[in-house]
Amino acid sequence: MLPRISRSLFGPLPHVIASCVVTWHASRDETILRGIVVSPSGPLRDGYVHIRHGKIIGVGKQYGFDADRCGVATIIDCGTSVISPGLINAHEHIEYSLICPLPHTSQSYGARHEWRMGFNHKPPIEPKVIPGSEHDATVWGELRHLFSGTTSIVGEGYTPGLTRNLDRVYGFEEDLHGSADSMENFPLDDRAGILRLGDCDYGPNAVTQGATDGLHRYIAHVGEGVSAEALNEFRCLSSRTFDTTARADGSGVSVDIVAPNLVMVQANSLTKEDFDLVASRGAMVVWSPRSNIALYGSTLNVTYLLELGINVALGTDWLPTGSATMSREAHCGAAAMKSMHNTTIEAKVLWQMMTINAARVTGFEDQIGSLEVDKLADLAVWSGGGGDEEEVDVYSQAIFSPPESLELVMRGGQIMLAGSTLHPILPADECERVFFGAAEKFVCVKRELNTSFAAFRSALQEKYPTGLPPVILPGVPLNEPSCDPVLG
């Protein structure tokens, strides 16, 4: 196991020959996928996933499925390809998707208002969203994630179709039900730029005691950075006695919102004792190692959180300093743990952070995040090697393979991307040929875009002539932000 995973730390797994083929073409509403199914109980070689009307109705070994359905269902045989749940990106600022990665420098910051506002004599680098570009950026960003196997995001933006938007009820898409996640970038009302130490005199509209109690999930930036000022944020959100001196308007006192519905984004300033409290309360964490390292020079030791039983999910953060895809975020997480903490984090653990852990973080684990009966058919298929089945760990194949190895992406049973060998079952009026490097694919997004992908891309290139970040990416994206720690 270890040699296979460590090999992936230094680059994505190589693209391999596609292996999905249609062996029976019948109903578009019912499909049987065959291949290596990554189930909650482990990989099922010679496994199957049976889908009807967008939901999973069967998962198991091939000898166990209902042969009588074979004449009714379309059958796709993917051989040694890996059938995984669609990836879930638990944290993304999607409106920044038209901004290319920031240039790498040796500058590291202690707290986010240093790089946002230039505090503590640090150079400000916060990029600005292009006025009026939010819709274009959201669509472009969702395409980038969809084309790399991600089917759900928490991104603060919304566009009909494409990925599911778990923080927007109207962005849930097919058959997903429940309450939307609440996302807050500045729970202490410090957007204008406020750093405190020893008290909680942040903005007048900081979160108050009890305000988050009834929320499905409260996903908030907490303790982002490595300085005492960054940690002060957590102090003001985790103790009612840290600061009891109110200002004239009643604000400025500390609160305690650490509860099972709290999801802390970043939290890289917290101590081990702080995470002990987080674990005891059942709160959760979204980890964005690349952005942590690019901005602050280091990232947290996530293995300690996992040992405590804290549920940790991965998130790409944003394009300027984060990862372009979930796969690249996993790559950075594995590399950072090795270089900073001399710890090998198994591919299976990272895969869980991108699937079922992320579903738990967002509160939708009963509907997405794993391949189980009665869950929605959100999945991605990564092509297999066709040789020794034991040569490449299936979890590594699912999270470290480049986008050109994607053979199929489904959201609610609807095909969003497919390899060229699946062309016979694709609706001609919804899908178009696109090349991922040298690999021919078909993307089926015309219904979502109300135009072809080619036309939409051309329109954006004309609208933003200074440079459009690509949505179809090679194994390692151009000018990818650094994942090399500088603080040890």
Protein backbone atom coordinates (compact mmCIF):
# COMPACT_ATOMS: atom_id res chain seq x y z
CA MET A 1 0.00 0.00 0.00
CA LEU A 2 2.59 2.57 1.07
CA PRO A 3 4.73 2.53 -2.10
CA ARG A 4 1.64 3.03 -4.25
CA ILE A 5 0.47 6.03 -2.24
CA SER A 6 3.88 7.62 -1.84
CA ARG A 7 4.36 7.43 -5.58
CA SER A 8 1.32 9.66 -6.00
CA LEU A 9 2.84 12.39 -3.83
CA PHE A 10 5.14 13.46 -6.63
CA GLY A 11 2.58 13.74 -9.38
CA PRO A 12 -0.74 12.43 -10.60
CA LEU A 13 -1.12 8.85 -11.64
CA PRO A 14 -0.61 8.39 -15.37
CA HIS A 15 -3.53 8.52 -17.75
CA VAL A 16 -4.51 5.03 -18.78
CA ILE A 17 -6.58 3.54 -21.57
CA ALA A 18 -10.34 3.90 -21.28
CA SER A 19 -12.20 0.73 -20.48
CA CYS A 20 -15.91 1.60 -20.23
CA VAL A 21 -18.04 0.13 -23.02
CA VAL A 22 -21.77 -0.16 -23.59
CA THR A 23 -22.73 -3.83 -23.70
CA TRP A 24 -26.49 -3.29 -23.79
CA HIS A 25 -28.35 -0.15 -24.81
CA ALA A 26 -31.86 0.14 -23.43
CA SER A 27 -33.56 2.64 -21.11
CA ARG A 28 -32.02 6.03 -20.29
CA ASP A 29 -33.78 5.87 -16.93
CA GLU A 30 -32.13 2.66 -15.78
CA THR A 31 -28.42 1.84 -15.90
CA ILE A 32 -26.16 -0.89 -14.56
CA LEU A 33 -22.50 0.06 -14.19
CA ARG A 34 -19.94 -2.71 -13.84
CA GLY A 35 -16.40 -2.27 -12.56
CA ILE A 36 -14.49 -1.86 -9.31
CA VAL A 37 -17.08 -0.29 -7.04
CA VAL A 38 -15.72 1.68 -4.09
CA SER A 39 -18.42 0.84 -1.55
CA PRO A 40 -18.61 1.79 2.15
CA SER A 41 -17.38 -1.70 3.04
CA GLY A 42 -14.43 -1.51 0.64
CA PRO A 43 -13.66 -2.04 -3.05
CA LEU A 44 -15.87 -4.55 -4.84
CA ARG A 45 -13.98 -6.01 -7.79
CA ASP A 46 -16.38 -7.31 -10.42
CA GLY A 47 -18.95 -5.10 -8.73
CA TYR A 48 -21.98 -3.23 -9.98
CA VAL A 49 -24.09 -0.16 -9.27
CA HIS A 50 -27.73 -0.33 -10.38
CA ILE A 51 -29.39 3.04 -11.03
CA ARG A 52 -33.05 3.78 -11.70
CA HIS A 53 -34.57 7.25 -12.11
CA GLY A 54 -31.49 8.91 -10.65
CA LYS A 55 -31.24 6.79 -7.51
CA ILE A 56 -29.13 3.78 -6.60
CA ILE A 57 -31.28 0.67 -6.23
CA GLY A 58 -28.53 -1.92 -5.98
CA VAL A 59 -24.81 -2.24 -5.16
CA GLY A 60 -22.83 -5.45 -4.90
CA LYS A 61 -20.94 -8.17 -6.71
CA GLN A 62 -22.01 -8.87 -10.25
CA TYR A 63 -23.25 -12.36 -9.50
CA GLY A 64 -25.80 -10.87 -7.10
CA PHE A 65 -27.76 -8.48 -9.30
CA ASP A 66 -31.15 -9.20 -10.81
CA ALA A 67 -30.42 -10.69 -14.23
CA ASP A 68 -34.04 -10.10 -15.26
CA ARG A 69 -33.33 -6.35 -15.34
CA CYS A 70 -30.57 -6.70 -17.91
CA GLY A 71 -32.96 -6.42 -20.82
CA VAL A 72 -34.47 -3.23 -19.41
CA ALA A 73 -31.38 -1.40 -18.18
CA THR A 74 -28.54 0.04 -20.21
CA ILE A 75 -25.39 -1.83 -19.18
CA ILE A 76 -22.00 -0.12 -19.09
CA ASP A 77 -19.06 -2.43 -18.42
CA CYS A 78 -16.08 -0.50 -17.06
CA GLY A 79 -13.83 -3.50 -16.43
CA THR A 80 -11.02 -2.45 -14.09
CA SER A 81 -12.17 1.16 -13.89
CA VAL A 82 -12.96 2.56 -10.45
CA ILE A 83 -16.56 3.58 -9.74
CA SER A 84 -16.54 6.14 -6.92
CA PRO A 85 -19.08 8.49 -5.39
CA GLY A 86 -18.89 11.92 -6.98
CA LEU A 87 -16.48 14.16 -5.12
CA ILE A 88 -17.82 16.83 -2.74
CA ASN A 89 -15.93 20.12 -2.39
CA ALA A 90 -16.78 21.36 1.10
CA HIS A 91 -15.36 24.86 0.68
CA GLU A 92 -14.91 27.03 -2.39
CA HIS A 93 -15.24 30.74 -3.21
CA ILE A 94 -16.59 30.09 -6.67
CA GLU A 95 -16.94 33.76 -7.63
CA TYR A 96 -13.14 33.97 -7.94
CA SER A 97 -13.01 31.39 -10.73
CA LEU A 98 -12.03 33.92 -13.40
CA ILE A 99 -8.92 34.96 -11.46
CA CYS A 100 -5.70 33.11 -12.23
CA PRO A 101 -3.51 31.80 -9.39
CA LEU A 102 -1.51 34.52 -7.65
CA PRO A 103 2.25 34.58 -8.30
CA HIS A 104 4.29 32.60 -5.81
CA THR A 105 6.35 34.64 -3.34
CA SER A 106 8.34 33.86 -0.21
CA GLN A 107 6.02 36.08 1.86
CA SER A 108 4.02 34.35 4.59
CA TYR A 109 1.24 35.85 6.66
CA GLY A 110 0.02 35.38 10.22
CA ALA A 111 -3.65 36.26 9.83
CA ARG A 112 -5.92 36.83 6.87
CA HIS A 113 -6.28 40.61 7.29
CA GLU A 114 -2.55 40.86 6.70
CA TRP A 115 -2.87 39.63 3.13
CA ARG A 116 -6.33 41.13 2.68
CA MET A 117 -5.65 44.62 4.05
CA GLY A 118 -1.89 44.92 4.52
CA PHE A 119 -1.98 44.86 8.32
CA ASN A 120 1.22 44.39 10.35
CA HIS A 121 3.26 45.87 7.51
CA LYS A 122 2.58 42.94 5.19
CA PRO A 123 1.93 43.46 1.46
CA PRO A 124 -1.78 43.09 0.59
CA ILE A 125 -2.51 40.60 -2.18
CA GLU A 126 -6.26 40.03 -2.02
CA PRO A 127 -7.59 39.81 -5.59
CA LYS A 128 -10.80 41.60 -6.45
CA VAL A 129 -13.75 39.96 -8.15
CA ILE A 130 -14.30 41.46 -11.59
CA PRO A 131 -17.45 43.64 -11.27
CA GLY A 132 -20.44 41.96 -12.87
CA SER A 133 -18.57 38.70 -13.45
CA GLU A 134 -20.12 36.66 -10.63
CA HIS A 135 -22.45 34.60 -12.82
CA ASP A 136 -19.82 33.87 -15.45
CA ALA A 137 -17.31 32.96 -12.74
CA THR A 138 -19.74 30.63 -11.01
CA VAL A 139 -20.56 28.76 -14.21
CA TRP A 140 -16.91 28.57 -15.20
CA GLY A 141 -15.86 27.35 -11.77
CA GLU A 142 -18.58 24.71 -11.59
CA LEU A 143 -17.55 23.41 -15.01
CA ARG A 144 -13.96 23.08 -13.79
CA HIS A 145 -15.03 21.04 -10.80
CA LEU A 146 -17.55 18.96 -12.74
CA PHE A 147 -14.93 18.14 -15.38
CA SER A 148 -12.68 16.73 -12.64
CA GLY A 149 -15.22 14.47 -10.94
CA THR A 150 -16.84 16.83 -8.40
CA THR A 151 -20.63 16.73 -8.27
CA SER A 152 -21.38 18.91 -5.20
CA ILE A 153 -19.85 22.07 -3.76
CA VAL A 154 -20.29 24.60 -0.99
CA GLY A 155 -19.23 27.65 -2.95
CA GLU A 156 -21.26 30.74 -2.01
CA GLY A 157 -22.46 30.98 -5.57
CA TYR A 158 -25.16 29.35 -7.63
CA THR A 159 -26.01 28.56 -11.19
CA PRO A 160 -28.77 26.21 -12.38
CA GLY A 161 -27.53 22.72 -13.16
CA LEU A 162 -23.88 21.65 -13.26
CA THR A 163 -22.74 20.82 -9.69
CA ARG A 164 -25.08 20.67 -6.73
CA ASN A 165 -24.85 23.79 -4.53
CA LEU A 166 -25.27 22.59 -0.97
CA ASP A 167 -25.52 26.10 0.46
CA ARG A 168 -28.40 27.07 -1.84
CA VAL A 169 -31.75 25.22 -1.66
CA TYR A 170 -32.51 26.23 -5.23
CA GLY A 171 -29.16 24.76 -6.25
CA PHE A 172 -29.73 21.28 -4.84
CA GLU A 173 -30.70 19.83 -8.25
CA GLU A 174 -32.41 16.46 -8.75
CA ASP A 175 -34.09 14.90 -5.74
CA LEU A 176 -31.81 16.33 -3.02
CA HIS A 177 -33.83 17.43 -0.02
CA GLY A 178 -33.14 19.20 3.26
CA SER A 179 -31.97 22.53 4.61
CA ALA A 180 -29.16 24.45 2.96
CA ASP A 181 -25.85 25.01 4.70
CA SER A 182 -25.19 28.50 6.07
CA MET A 183 -21.77 29.82 5.09
CA GLU A 184 -20.15 32.80 6.85
CA ASN A 185 -16.76 34.21 5.95
CA PHE A 186 -16.67 36.72 8.80
CA PRO A 187 -18.57 35.40 11.83
CA LEU A 188 -17.03 38.19 13.94
CA ASP A 189 -18.14 40.90 11.50
CA ASP A 190 -14.53 41.79 10.72
CA ARG A 191 -14.72 42.05 6.92
CA ALA A 192 -13.47 45.65 7.10
CA GLY A 193 -10.27 44.36 8.67
CA ILE A 194 -10.09 43.93 12.44
CA LEU A 195 -7.39 42.11 14.37
CA ARG A 196 -7.77 41.72 18.13
CA LEU A 197 -5.75 40.11 20.89
CA GLY A 198 -7.14 39.46 24.35
CA ASP A 199 -10.64 40.77 23.71
CA CYS A 200 -13.53 40.39 21.26
CA ASP A 201 -14.02 43.96 20.07
CA TYR A 202 -14.66 43.00 16.47
CA GLY A 203 -17.57 44.31 14.40
CA PRO A 204 -20.93 45.31 15.93
CA ASN A 205 -22.78 42.51 14.12
CA ALA A 206 -20.67 39.55 15.18
CA VAL A 207 -22.50 36.28 15.71
CA THR A 208 -24.37 36.24 19.02
CA GLN A 209 -24.97 33.48 21.53
CA GLY A 210 -27.71 31.15 20.30
CA ALA A 211 -27.83 32.61 16.78
CA THR A 212 -26.49 29.43 15.18
CA ASP A 213 -28.41 26.92 17.28
CA GLY A 214 -31.16 26.21 14.76
CA LEU A 215 -29.00 26.14 11.64
CA HIS A 216 -28.53 22.93 9.65
CA ARG A 217 -24.81 23.65 9.31
CA TYR A 218 -22.92 26.83 10.19
CA ILE A 219 -19.82 26.74 7.99
CA ALA A 220 -17.54 29.58 9.05
CA HIS A 221 -13.97 30.79 8.69
CA VAL A 222 -12.56 30.45 12.21
CA GLY A 223 -8.98 30.97 13.38
CA GLU A 224 -7.53 31.25 9.89
CA GLY A 225 -3.79 31.84 10.10
CA VAL A 226 -0.91 31.00 12.40
CA SER A 227 -0.68 34.05 14.68
CA ALA A 228 -2.05 34.77 18.14
CA GLU A 229 -4.43 37.24 16.52
CA ALA A 230 -5.80 34.47 14.31
CA LEU A 231 -6.25 32.20 17.32
CA ASN A 232 -8.05 35.02 19.15
CA GLU A 233 -10.98 34.48 16.77
CA PHE A 234 -11.49 30.98 18.12
CA ARG A 235 -11.21 32.23 21.68
CA CYS A 236 -14.08 34.64 20.99
CA LEU A 237 -16.24 31.90 19.48
CA SER A 238 -15.58 29.06 21.94
CA SER A 239 -15.94 30.58 25.42
CA ARG A 240 -18.61 32.75 27.02
CA THR A 241 -16.12 33.84 29.70
CA PHE A 242 -13.16 34.89 27.52
CA ASP A 243 -14.50 38.46 27.17
CA THR A 244 -17.54 39.48 29.21
CA THR A 245 -17.09 43.25 28.88
CA ALA A 246 -19.65 44.54 26.41
CA ARG A 247 -19.41 47.77 24.48
CA ALA A 248 -22.14 50.38 24.70
CA ASP A 249 -24.15 48.69 21.94
CA GLY A 250 -23.89 45.28 23.65
CA SER A 251 -21.37 43.84 21.19
CA GLY A 252 -17.80 42.82 21.87
CA VAL A 253 -18.42 39.84 24.16
CA SER A 254 -17.29 36.30 23.51
CA VAL A 255 -19.71 33.50 22.68
CA ASP A 256 -19.58 29.72 22.55
CA ILE A 257 -20.95 28.29 19.30
CA VAL A 258 -18.85 25.10 19.24
CA ALA A 259 -21.50 22.45 18.60
CA PRO A 260 -22.23 19.56 16.22
CA ASN A 261 -23.59 21.95 13.57
CA LEU A 262 -20.42 24.07 13.51
CA VAL A 263 -18.02 23.49 10.64
CA MET A 264 -14.78 25.43 10.95
CA VAL A 265 -13.04 26.38 7.73
CA GLN A 266 -9.22 26.56 7.94
CA ALA A 267 -8.80 26.62 11.78
CA ASN A 268 -5.05 26.30 11.27
CA SER A 269 -4.21 28.48 14.29
CA LEU A 270 -5.89 26.16 16.82
CA THR A 271 -3.84 24.24 19.39
CA LYS A 272 -4.16 20.56 20.27
CA GLU A 273 -6.12 21.55 23.37
CA ASP A 274 -8.50 23.55 21.20
CA PHE A 275 -9.10 20.55 18.97
CA ASP A 276 -9.73 18.44 22.06
CA LEU A 277 -12.65 20.80 22.76
CA VAL A 278 -13.79 20.65 19.14
CA ALA A 279 -13.80 16.85 19.28
CA SER A 280 -15.71 16.74 22.56
CA ARG A 281 -18.44 18.94 21.09
CA GLY A 282 -18.74 17.07 17.78
CA ALA A 283 -17.85 20.09 15.64
CA MET A 284 -16.18 19.53 12.26
CA VAL A 285 -13.38 20.97 10.12
CA VAL A 286 -12.79 21.71 6.44
CA TRP A 287 -9.12 21.41 5.52
CA SER A 288 -7.61 23.42 2.64
CA PRO A 289 -3.88 22.61 2.85
CA ARG A 290 -2.74 24.29 -0.38
CA SER A 291 -4.22 27.67 0.44
CA ASN A 292 -2.96 27.36 4.04
CA ILE A 293 0.58 26.78 2.80
CA ALA A 294 0.47 29.38 0.02
CA LEU A 295 -0.68 32.09 2.45
CA TYR A 296 0.64 31.06 5.85
CA GLY A 297 3.53 28.73 5.08
CA SER A 298 2.08 25.73 6.91
CA THR A 299 -1.06 23.73 7.54
CA LEU A 300 -2.47 21.85 10.51
CA ASN A 301 -1.54 18.29 11.45
CA VAL A 302 -4.75 16.70 10.30
CA THR A 303 -3.81 13.27 11.64
CA TYR A 304 -4.26 14.57 15.18
CA LEU A 305 -7.81 15.64 14.34
CA LEU A 306 -8.56 12.25 12.82
CA GLU A 307 -7.19 10.46 15.87
CA LEU A 308 -9.58 12.51 18.02
CA GLY A 309 -12.49 11.43 15.82
CA ILE A 310 -13.09 14.88 14.32
CA ASN A 311 -14.83 14.66 10.97
CA VAL A 312 -12.56 16.37 8.42
CA ALA A 313 -13.44 17.21 4.82
CA LEU A 314 -11.32 18.67 2.03
CA GLY A 315 -12.06 21.95 0.28
CA THR A 316 -10.19 23.75 -2.49
CA ASP A 317 -10.78 27.23 -0.96
CA TRP A 318 -10.42 29.34 -4.12
CA LEU A 319 -8.46 29.50 -7.34
CA PRO A 320 -6.06 32.37 -6.42
CA THR A 321 -4.18 30.42 -3.70
CA GLY A 322 -5.94 27.05 -3.56
CA SER A 323 -6.26 24.00 -5.78
CA ALA A 324 -8.01 23.99 -9.12
CA THR A 325 -9.47 20.54 -8.47
CA MET A 326 -10.18 18.24 -5.56
CA SER A 327 -7.56 15.85 -6.87
CA ARG A 328 -4.88 18.52 -6.64
CA GLU A 329 -6.04 19.36 -3.09
CA ALA A 330 -5.66 15.70 -2.12
CA HIS A 331 -2.23 15.63 -3.69
CA CYS A 332 -1.20 18.67 -1.64
CA GLY A 333 -2.66 17.25 1.56
CA ALA A 334 -0.69 14.04 1.18
CA ALA A 335 2.53 15.86 0.30
CA ALA A 336 2.17 18.37 3.15
CA MET A 337 1.64 15.71 5.78
CA LYS A 338 4.75 13.92 4.57
CA SER A 339 6.99 17.01 4.40
CA MET A 340 5.73 18.77 7.54
CA HIS A 341 4.87 15.93 9.88
CA ASN A 342 6.67 12.91 8.36
CA THR A 343 3.31 11.18 8.23
CA THR A 344 1.82 9.22 5.37
CA ILE A 345 -1.89 9.83 5.10
CA GLU A 346 -3.49 6.95 3.24
CA ALA A 347 -5.31 7.55 -0.01
CA LYS A 348 -8.42 5.94 1.47
CA VAL A 349 -8.51 8.58 4.22
CA LEU A 350 -8.18 11.41 1.71
CA TRP A 351 -10.88 9.82 -0.45
CA GLN A 352 -13.19 9.74 2.58
CA MET A 353 -12.52 13.46 3.14
CA MET A 354 -13.70 14.07 -0.42
CA THR A 355 -16.80 11.87 -0.25
CA ILE A 356 -18.58 10.62 2.88
CA ASN A 357 -16.77 12.95 5.31
CA ALA A 358 -17.70 15.91 3.13
CA ALA A 359 -21.28 14.68 2.99
CA ARG A 360 -21.33 14.61 6.81
CA VAL A 361 -19.78 18.07 7.02
CA THR A 362 -22.52 19.44 4.81
CA GLY A 363 -25.26 17.38 6.46
CA PHE A 364 -26.31 15.32 3.44
CA GLU A 365 -24.70 11.97 4.27
CA ASP A 366 -28.07 10.24 4.03
CA GLN A 367 -28.38 11.19 0.35
CA ILE A 368 -24.90 11.59 -1.18
CA GLY A 369 -21.27 10.77 -0.42
CA SER A 370 -21.32 6.98 -0.80
CA LEU A 371 -22.60 4.34 -3.18
CA GLU A 372 -25.50 2.85 -1.24
CA VAL A 373 -29.06 1.83 -1.98
CA ASP A 374 -31.54 4.74 -1.88
CA LYS A 375 -28.84 7.38 -2.28
CA LEU A 376 -28.62 9.65 -5.30
CA ALA A 377 -26.59 8.43 -8.24
CA ASP A 378 -23.82 11.02 -8.04
CA LEU A 379 -20.68 9.24 -9.17
CA ALA A 380 -17.44 9.39 -11.11
CA VAL A 381 -15.66 6.60 -12.96
CA TRP A 382 -11.89 6.64 -13.37
CA SER A 383 -10.34 4.42 -16.03
CA GLY A 384 -8.35 1.38 -14.93
CA GLY A 385 -5.00 0.08 -16.01
CA GLY A 386 -6.15 -3.09 -17.67
CA GLY A 387 -3.22 -5.03 -16.20
CA ASP A 388 -2.47 -6.22 -12.69
CA GLU A 389 -5.52 -5.15 -10.67
CA GLU A 390 -3.42 -4.89 -7.51
CA GLU A 391 -0.80 -2.60 -9.06
CA VAL A 392 -2.63 0.64 -8.28
CA ASP A 393 -4.65 1.15 -5.11
CA VAL A 394 -8.25 1.93 -6.08
CA TYR A 395 -8.46 4.91 -3.72
CA SER A 396 -5.34 6.40 -5.30
CA GLN A 397 -6.89 5.82 -8.71
CA ALA A 398 -10.03 7.68 -7.66
CA ILE A 399 -8.34 10.76 -6.22
CA PHE A 400 -4.93 11.12 -7.84
CA SER A 401 -5.73 10.37 -11.50
CA PRO A 402 -5.69 13.30 -13.94
CA PRO A 403 -9.00 14.53 -15.43
CA GLU A 404 -8.27 12.82 -18.75
CA SER A 405 -8.75 9.50 -16.93
CA LEU A 406 -12.38 10.34 -16.17
CA GLU A 407 -14.67 7.97 -18.03
CA LEU A 408 -18.02 9.03 -16.62
CA VAL A 409 -19.53 11.67 -14.34
CA MET A 410 -23.18 11.38 -13.28
CA ARG A 411 -25.27 13.75 -11.18
CA GLY A 412 -28.53 12.16 -10.12
CA GLY A 413 -28.10 9.51 -12.81
CA GLN A 414 -27.76 12.17 -15.51
CA ILE A 415 -24.60 11.86 -17.59
CA MET A 416 -22.59 15.09 -17.40
CA LEU A 417 -19.33 13.79 -18.89
CA ALA A 418 -18.46 10.57 -20.68
CA GLY A 419 -15.56 8.94 -22.46
CA SER A 420 -15.72 8.54 -26.22
CA THR A 421 -16.58 4.84 -25.98
CA LEU A 422 -19.93 5.77 -24.39
CA HIS A 423 -20.93 7.96 -27.31
CA PRO A 424 -23.64 5.53 -28.55
CA ILE A 425 -25.84 6.14 -25.49
CA LEU A 426 -25.44 9.93 -25.32
CA PRO A 427 -28.18 12.30 -26.51
CA ALA A 428 -26.75 14.09 -29.54
CA ASP A 429 -28.60 17.32 -28.78
CA GLU A 430 -27.10 17.61 -25.27
CA CYS A 431 -23.51 16.40 -25.63
CA GLU A 432 -20.48 17.59 -27.58
CA ARG A 433 -16.98 16.33 -28.25
CA VAL A 434 -14.20 17.94 -26.19
CA PHE A 435 -10.56 16.92 -25.76
CA PHE A 436 -8.99 16.53 -22.34
CA GLY A 437 -5.38 16.61 -23.47
CA ALA A 438 -5.23 13.81 -26.02
CA ALA A 439 -8.26 12.02 -24.57
CA GLU A 440 -11.57 12.46 -26.38
CA LYS A 441 -14.55 13.09 -24.11
CA PHE A 442 -18.15 14.17 -24.44
CA VAL A 443 -19.50 16.85 -22.11
CA CYS A 444 -23.26 17.03 -21.70
CA VAL A 445 -23.95 20.53 -20.39
CA LYS A 446 -25.93 22.21 -23.18
CA ARG A 447 -29.13 22.04 -21.16
CA GLU A 448 -27.46 23.75 -18.19
CA LEU A 449 -25.67 26.40 -20.25
CA ASN A 450 -28.47 27.00 -22.78
CA THR A 451 -25.70 26.83 -25.34
CA SER A 452 -22.79 24.59 -26.23
CA PHE A 453 -19.71 24.43 -24.04
CA ALA A 454 -17.62 25.55 -27.01
CA ALA A 455 -19.81 28.61 -27.58
CA PHE A 456 -19.81 29.50 -23.88
CA ARG A 457 -16.04 29.20 -23.65
CA SER A 458 -15.58 31.31 -26.77
CA ALA A 459 -17.88 34.01 -25.39
CA LEU A 460 -15.93 34.17 -22.13
CA GLN A 461 -12.60 34.32 -23.95
CA GLU A 462 -13.88 37.33 -25.86
CA LYS A 463 -15.38 38.93 -22.75
CA TYR A 464 -12.26 38.44 -20.61
CA PRO A 465 -9.37 38.76 -23.09
CA THR A 466 -6.63 39.24 -20.48
CA GLY A 467 -6.64 35.56 -19.61
CA LEU A 468 -9.22 32.93 -18.77
CA PRO A 469 -8.19 30.17 -16.33
CA PRO A 470 -8.73 26.79 -18.00
CA VAL A 471 -11.50 24.44 -16.89
CA ILE A 472 -9.98 21.42 -18.62
CA LEU A 473 -6.74 20.88 -16.80
CA PRO A 474 -3.61 18.79 -17.23
CA GLY A 475 -2.29 16.68 -14.39
CA VAL A 476 -0.52 19.66 -12.80
CA PRO A 477 -2.14 23.03 -13.60
CA LEU A 478 0.01 25.89 -14.87
CA ASN A 479 1.20 28.27 -12.11
CA GLU A 480 -0.37 26.14 -9.40
CA PRO A 481 0.05 27.75 -5.94
CA SER A 482 2.82 26.30 -3.83
CA CYS A 483 2.36 23.31 -1.55
CA ASP A 484 5.88 23.56 -0.12
CA PRO A 485 5.77 24.53 3.58
CA VAL A 486 8.09 27.35 4.63
CA LEU A 487 7.54 27.34 8.39
CA GLY A 488 8.08 23.63 9.02
